[in-house]
C-alpha atoms as a PDB file:
ATOM      1  CA  MET A   1      18.496   1.757  -4.504  1.00  0.00           C
ATOM      2  CA  ILE A   2      19.767   2.284  -8.018  1.00  0.00           C
ATOM      3  CA  ARG A   3      20.983  -1.305  -8.160  1.00  0.00           C
ATOM      4  CA  TRP A   4      17.630  -2.585  -6.824  1.00  0.00           C
ATOM      5  CA  CYS A   5      15.792  -0.579  -9.497  1.00  0.00           C
ATOM      6  CA  GLN A   6      18.138  -1.743 -12.249  1.00  0.00           C
ATOM      7  CA  GLN A   7      17.142  -5.339 -11.493  1.00  0.00           C
ATOM      8  CA  ARG A   8      13.499  -4.554 -12.244  1.00  0.00           C
ATOM      9  CA  SER A   9      11.495  -2.724 -14.885  1.00  0.00           C
ATOM     10  CA  GLY A  10       8.102  -1.177 -15.482  1.00  0.00           C
ATOM     11  CA  GLN A  11       7.606   0.233 -11.980  1.00  0.00           C
ATOM     12  CA  VAL A  12       6.123   3.603 -11.093  1.00  0.00           C
ATOM     13  CA  ILE A  13       8.498   5.028  -8.478  1.00  0.00           C
ATOM     14  CA  GLY A  14       8.252   8.055  -6.222  1.00  0.00           C
ATOM     15  CA  ASP A  15      11.673   9.337  -5.137  1.00  0.00           C
ATOM     16  CA  PHE A  16      10.711  11.479  -2.144  1.00  0.00           C
ATOM     17  CA  GLY A  17      13.402  14.010  -1.266  1.00  0.00           C
ATOM     18  CA  CYS A  18      15.271  13.206  -4.466  1.00  0.00           C
ATOM     19  CA  GLY A  19      17.947  15.897  -4.180  1.00  0.00           C
ATOM     20  CA  GLU A  20      19.782  15.876  -7.507  1.00  0.00           C
ATOM     21  CA  ALA A  21      17.410  13.244  -8.959  1.00  0.00           C
ATOM     22  CA  CYS A  22      20.199  10.677  -9.406  1.00  0.00           C
ATOM     23  CA  LEU A  23      17.725   7.790  -9.352  1.00  0.00           C
ATOM     24  CA  ALA A  24      15.798   9.214 -12.303  1.00  0.00           C
ATOM     25  CA  GLN A  25      19.021   9.802 -14.214  1.00  0.00           C
ATOM     26  CA  ALA A  26      20.042   6.182 -13.664  1.00  0.00           C
ATOM     27  CA  VAL A  27      16.818   4.245 -14.289  1.00  0.00           C
ATOM     28  CA  SER A  28      14.239   6.401 -16.073  1.00  0.00           C
ATOM     29  CA  ASP A  29      14.782   4.268 -19.178  1.00  0.00           C
ATOM     30  CA  ARG A  30      13.178   1.285 -17.411  1.00  0.00           C
ATOM     31  CA  HIS A  31      10.761   2.920 -14.899  1.00  0.00           C
ATOM     32  CA  THR A  32       8.468   5.905 -14.554  1.00  0.00           C
ATOM     33  CA  ILE A  33      10.128   8.077 -11.920  1.00  0.00           C
ATOM     34  CA  TYR A  34       8.541  10.939 -10.017  1.00  0.00           C
ATOM     35  CA  SER A  35      11.409  12.936  -8.507  1.00  0.00           C
ATOM     36  CA  ILE A  36      10.016  14.995  -5.641  1.00  0.00           C
ATOM     37  CA  ASP A  37      11.764  17.510  -3.396  1.00  0.00           C
ATOM     38  CA  HIS A  38      11.135  20.784  -1.570  1.00  0.00           C
ATOM     39  CA  VAL A  39      13.328  22.552  -4.147  1.00  0.00           C
ATOM     40  CA  ALA A  40      13.536  21.664  -7.845  1.00  0.00           C
ATOM     41  CA  ILE A  41      17.122  21.570  -9.062  1.00  0.00           C
ATOM     42  CA  ASN A  42      15.922  21.050 -12.638  1.00  0.00           C
ATOM     43  CA  GLU A  43      12.699  20.885 -14.640  1.00  0.00           C
ATOM     44  CA  GLU A  44      12.330  17.148 -13.999  1.00  0.00           C
ATOM     45  CA  VAL A  45      11.929  17.561 -10.219  1.00  0.00           C
ATOM     46  CA  ILE A  46       8.490  18.255  -8.742  1.00  0.00           C
ATOM     47  CA  ALA A  47       8.909  21.000  -6.139  1.00  0.00           C
ATOM     48  CA  CYS A  48       6.438  20.608  -3.266  1.00  0.00           C
ATOM     49  CA  ASP A  49       5.989  19.739   0.386  1.00  0.00           C
ATOM     50  CA  ILE A  50       6.768  16.007   0.526  1.00  0.00           C
ATOM     51  CA  ALA A  51       3.841  15.609   2.925  1.00  0.00           C
ATOM     52  CA  HIS A  52       1.447  16.699   0.143  1.00  0.00           C
ATOM     53  CA  VAL A  53       2.608  15.490  -3.271  1.00  0.00           C
ATOM     54  CA  PRO A  54       0.560  16.019  -6.452  1.00  0.00           C
ATOM     55  CA  LEU A  55       0.105  12.301  -7.132  1.00  0.00           C
ATOM     56  CA  ASP A  56      -3.105  10.289  -7.131  1.00  0.00           C
ATOM     57  CA  ASP A  57      -3.981   7.773  -4.439  1.00  0.00           C
ATOM     58  CA  GLU A  58      -2.530   4.318  -5.108  1.00  0.00           C
ATOM     59  CA  SER A  59      -0.460   5.510  -8.080  1.00  0.00           C
ATOM     60  CA  LEU A  60       3.003   4.243  -7.064  1.00  0.00           C
ATOM     61  CA  ASP A  61       4.558   0.790  -7.038  1.00  0.00           C
ATOM     62  CA  VAL A  62       7.562   1.990  -5.014  1.00  0.00           C
ATOM     63  CA  ALA A  63       8.179   4.887  -2.611  1.00  0.00           C
ATOM     64  CA  ILE A  64      11.791   5.699  -1.749  1.00  0.00           C
ATOM     65  CA  TYR A  65      13.098   7.943   1.026  1.00  0.00           C
ATOM     66  CA  SER A  66      16.884   7.979   0.846  1.00  0.00           C
ATOM     67  CA  LEU A  67      18.323  10.280   3.505  1.00  0.00           C
ATOM     68  CA  SER A  68      15.231  12.440   3.125  1.00  0.00           C
ATOM     69  CA  LEU A  69      13.318  12.191   6.423  1.00  0.00           C
ATOM     70  CA  MET A  70      14.734  15.518   7.564  1.00  0.00           C
ATOM     71  CA  GLY A  71      11.705  17.717   8.151  1.00  0.00           C
ATOM     72  CA  ALA A  72      10.064  18.112  11.553  1.00  0.00           C
ATOM     73  CA  ASN A  73       6.936  16.546  10.039  1.00  0.00           C
ATOM     74  CA  PHE A  74       8.626  13.492   8.512  1.00  0.00           C
ATOM     75  CA  THR A  75       5.843  11.206   9.792  1.00  0.00           C
ATOM     76  CA  ALA A  76       3.550  13.073   7.395  1.00  0.00           C
ATOM     77  CA  TYR A  77       6.009  12.254   4.596  1.00  0.00           C
ATOM     78  CA  VAL A  78       5.624   8.540   5.296  1.00  0.00           C
ATOM     79  CA  ARG A  79       1.830   8.870   5.559  1.00  0.00           C
ATOM     80  CA  GLU A  80       1.975  10.311   2.036  1.00  0.00           C
ATOM     81  CA  ALA A  81       3.754   7.157   0.876  1.00  0.00           C
ATOM     82  CA  HIS A  82       0.887   5.137   2.344  1.00  0.00           C
ATOM     83  CA  ARG A  83      -1.621   7.224   0.409  1.00  0.00           C
ATOM     84  CA  THR A  84       0.215   7.064  -2.918  1.00  0.00           C
ATOM     85  CA  LEU A  85       1.348   3.419  -2.841  1.00  0.00           C
ATOM     86  CA  LYS A  86      -0.677   0.682  -4.469  1.00  0.00           C
ATOM     87  CA  LEU A  87      -1.635  -2.380  -2.462  1.00  0.00           C
ATOM     88  CA  ASP A  88       1.565  -4.367  -1.805  1.00  0.00           C
ATOM     89  CA  GLY A  89       3.648  -1.413  -2.994  1.00  0.00           C
ATOM     90  CA  HIS A  90       7.212  -1.249  -1.714  1.00  0.00           C
ATOM     91  CA  LEU A  91       8.397   1.314   0.824  1.00  0.00           C
ATOM     92  CA  HIS A  92      12.152   1.837   1.112  1.00  0.00           C
ATOM     93  CA  ILE A  93      13.565   4.074   3.832  1.00  0.00           C
ATOM     94  CA  ILE A  94      17.334   4.452   3.964  1.00  0.00           C
ATOM     95  CA  GLU A  95      18.744   6.585   6.768  1.00  0.00           C
ATOM     96  CA  ALA A  96      22.070   6.949   8.545  1.00  0.00           C
ATOM     97  CA  THR A  97      22.371   4.198  11.162  1.00  0.00           C
ATOM     98  CA  GLU A  98      23.514   6.705  13.775  1.00  0.00           C
ATOM     99  CA  ARG A  99      20.113   8.463  13.609  1.00  0.00           C
ATOM    100  CA  PHE A 100      18.304   5.437  15.063  1.00  0.00           C
ATOM    101  CA  SER A 101      18.132   5.162  18.821  1.00  0.00           C
ATOM    102  CA  ASN A 102      15.626   2.274  18.590  1.00  0.00           C
ATOM    103  CA  ARG A 103      15.270   0.565  15.190  1.00  0.00           C
ATOM    104  CA  GLU A 104      12.662  -1.894  16.440  1.00  0.00           C
ATOM    105  CA  GLN A 105      10.412   0.903  17.721  1.00  0.00           C
ATOM    106  CA  PHE A 106      10.780   2.690  14.390  1.00  0.00           C
ATOM    107  CA  ALA A 107       9.693  -0.527  12.622  1.00  0.00           C
ATOM    108  CA  ASN A 108       6.759  -0.979  15.027  1.00  0.00           C
ATOM    109  CA  ASN A 109       5.630   2.574  14.333  1.00  0.00           C
ATOM    110  CA  LEU A 110       5.872   1.944  10.574  1.00  0.00           C
ATOM    111  CA  GLU A 111       3.551  -1.030  11.064  1.00  0.00           C
ATOM    112  CA  GLN A 112       1.103   1.174  12.979  1.00  0.00           C
ATOM    113  CA  LEU A 113       1.188   3.577  10.025  1.00  0.00           C
ATOM    114  CA  GLY A 114      -0.043   0.764   7.764  1.00  0.00           C
ATOM    115  CA  PHE A 115       3.098  -0.962   6.482  1.00  0.00           C
ATOM    116  CA  ASN A 116       4.283  -4.519   6.874  1.00  0.00           C
ATOM    117  CA  VAL A 117       7.978  -4.234   7.691  1.00  0.00           C
ATOM    118  CA  ILE A 118       9.745  -7.108   6.011  1.00  0.00           C
ATOM    119  CA  ARG A 119      13.397  -6.236   6.470  1.00  0.00           C
ATOM    120  CA  ILE A 120      15.774  -4.040   8.449  1.00  0.00           C
ATOM    121  CA  ASP A 121      19.446  -4.222   7.530  1.00  0.00           C
ATOM    122  CA  ASP A 122      22.692  -2.601   8.541  1.00  0.00           C
ATOM    123  CA  LEU A 123      24.690  -1.700   5.471  1.00  0.00           C
ATOM    124  CA  TRP A 124      27.871   0.041   6.464  1.00  0.00           C
ATOM    125  CA  LYS A 125      26.714   3.422   7.821  1.00  0.00           C
ATOM    126  CA  PHE A 126      23.126   3.106   6.629  1.00  0.00           C
ATOM    127  CA  THR A 127      20.047   1.266   7.853  1.00  0.00           C
ATOM    128  CA  PRO A 128      17.482   0.462   5.171  1.00  0.00           C
ATOM    129  CA  HIS A 129      13.914  -0.363   6.227  1.00  0.00           C
ATOM    130  CA  THR A 130      11.872  -2.205   3.613  1.00  0.00           C
ATOM    131  CA  GLY A 131       8.127  -2.671   3.860  1.00  0.00           C
ATOM    132  CA  HIS A 132       4.954  -3.305   1.932  1.00  0.00           C
ATOM    133  CA  GLN A 133       1.859  -1.154   1.899  1.00  0.00           C
ATOM    134  CA  ASP A 134      -0.886  -2.933   3.838  1.00  0.00           C
ATOM    135  CA  ARG A 135      -4.197  -1.475   2.682  1.00  0.00           C
ATOM    136  CA  GLY A 136      -5.976  -3.809   5.112  1.00  0.00           C
ATOM    137  CA  GLY A 137      -5.374  -1.266   7.818  1.00  0.00           C
ATOM    138  CA  GLU A 138      -5.194   2.462   7.421  1.00  0.00           C
ATOM    139  CA  GLY A 139      -2.458   3.938   9.541  1.00  0.00           C
ATOM    140  CA  ARG A 140      -3.200   5.171  13.003  1.00  0.00           C
ATOM    141  CA  GLU A 141      -3.414   8.947  13.232  1.00  0.00           C
ATOM    142  CA  ASP A 142      -1.886   9.100  16.714  1.00  0.00           C
ATOM    143  CA  VAL A 143       1.437   7.497  15.715  1.00  0.00           C
ATOM    144  CA  GLU A 144       4.559   9.611  15.244  1.00  0.00           C
ATOM    145  CA  LEU A 145       7.815   8.210  13.959  1.00  0.00           C
ATOM    146  CA  CYS A 146      10.973   8.957  15.877  1.00  0.00           C
ATOM    147  CA  PHE A 147      14.547   7.900  15.429  1.00  0.00           C
END
């Protein structure tokens, strides 16, 4: 994701489950980065429940979840991306490939949550899902993501 961000500038990015906030350290000179995690490792990280972040509706251009869909309520995390992303905002989910029992079903569920899934890749041990926020349809409340 750092390389993807380095090829762009001027984006407002939410790094959900940021850990050590490596993305902000690498690209905060070219983007506005909101580093969000359950625990703040430094003063730059916003400590909160990732399902309820203190950001306005439609305030992000990009939402990134890199190995961060760990909580039992991780569907709520992704719903929060839908709320905070601008129309046509980018959603990037990168998870360990071995976690997915059915990638296509995961992508279908993302679509039911209000995202247009545009790409699923296998990159070594990781499977990135890339989508766009589709404001034309609010996500279904009865959908739960599962790996």
